[in-house]
Amino acid sequence: MNNKEFRFQGLDAKTELKLALMLIFPSLMIMFGILYGSHILFPKISFLMPLLFGATTTVGISIIILKQLTNLVREKEWIINIDDKFLNLKFRGINHHIQLSDIKIIKNLGNIGLRYLTIKTKNNVIKIRVGNTGLAPFSKQKDIDELDAFVQYLKPYIDKHFNEKVLKNIVQPNIIPNFGVYVVKEEKIKYSIINRMKPWQVVVFILGILVLIMILFVNIMEYIFFK
């Protein structure tokens, strides 16, 4: 591979997590405020109505807050240089100089408007987040295209030195270019219980957990505000 540079706007997983944690308190305050206000103003109203209204309002306001918080992040540019032996990734003044032969796993996951790229070596894990959706307002479409171009440029090397992990739980594996988890040929591919599930089994599993959480949440809120 010839020496080539890629630049795009995005975040790393650590910064993304910090933004998510910063949203927890205001989101809870909005939700509890709506539930408490509905209890004071409309004491005879069904609990389900303020719950649905509160959830919708909380999500909408959280998206606006997240957009503003993202705008406060000054350095969001990833700079990637690659040649036939080395990969150098720079983000917020930190350089990751990686020999291509040291890469163990490459995960290129995501959805429309969202990319999660993870590069794992024996001693380091680099997690790149690029997105232009409401819940991931880090980038623009041109940044997503640039990240896709980087993975495409790396694909011949991946095809030669990596095996692709079979993901049975993915409904649309071709939803983004070069979607997949790639494990270096010297390593054994390991599958978790979730990896072995079919898409409908994953959906049932997640829905079951969400239903249990919702039942618990409704019972607690109903006890606090409508007892």
Foldseek 3Di string as FASTA:
>chain_A
DAKDKFKFFFAWPVVLVVLVVVLVVVLVVQLVVQQQVCCVPPVPDDSVVSNVVSVVVSLVVSLVVSVVVLVPPDWGMWMWIDDPFWIWIDGPRDIDIGTPVQWFKWAWDDAVFWTWIWTDGPVDITITIGGCDSSGNGGDPVRVVRVLVVCVVCVVVLVVFWDWDQQQQDPDQVRDPPHTMTGGPVDDDDDDPNSPDHNVVVVVVVVVVVVVVVVVVSVVSCVVRND
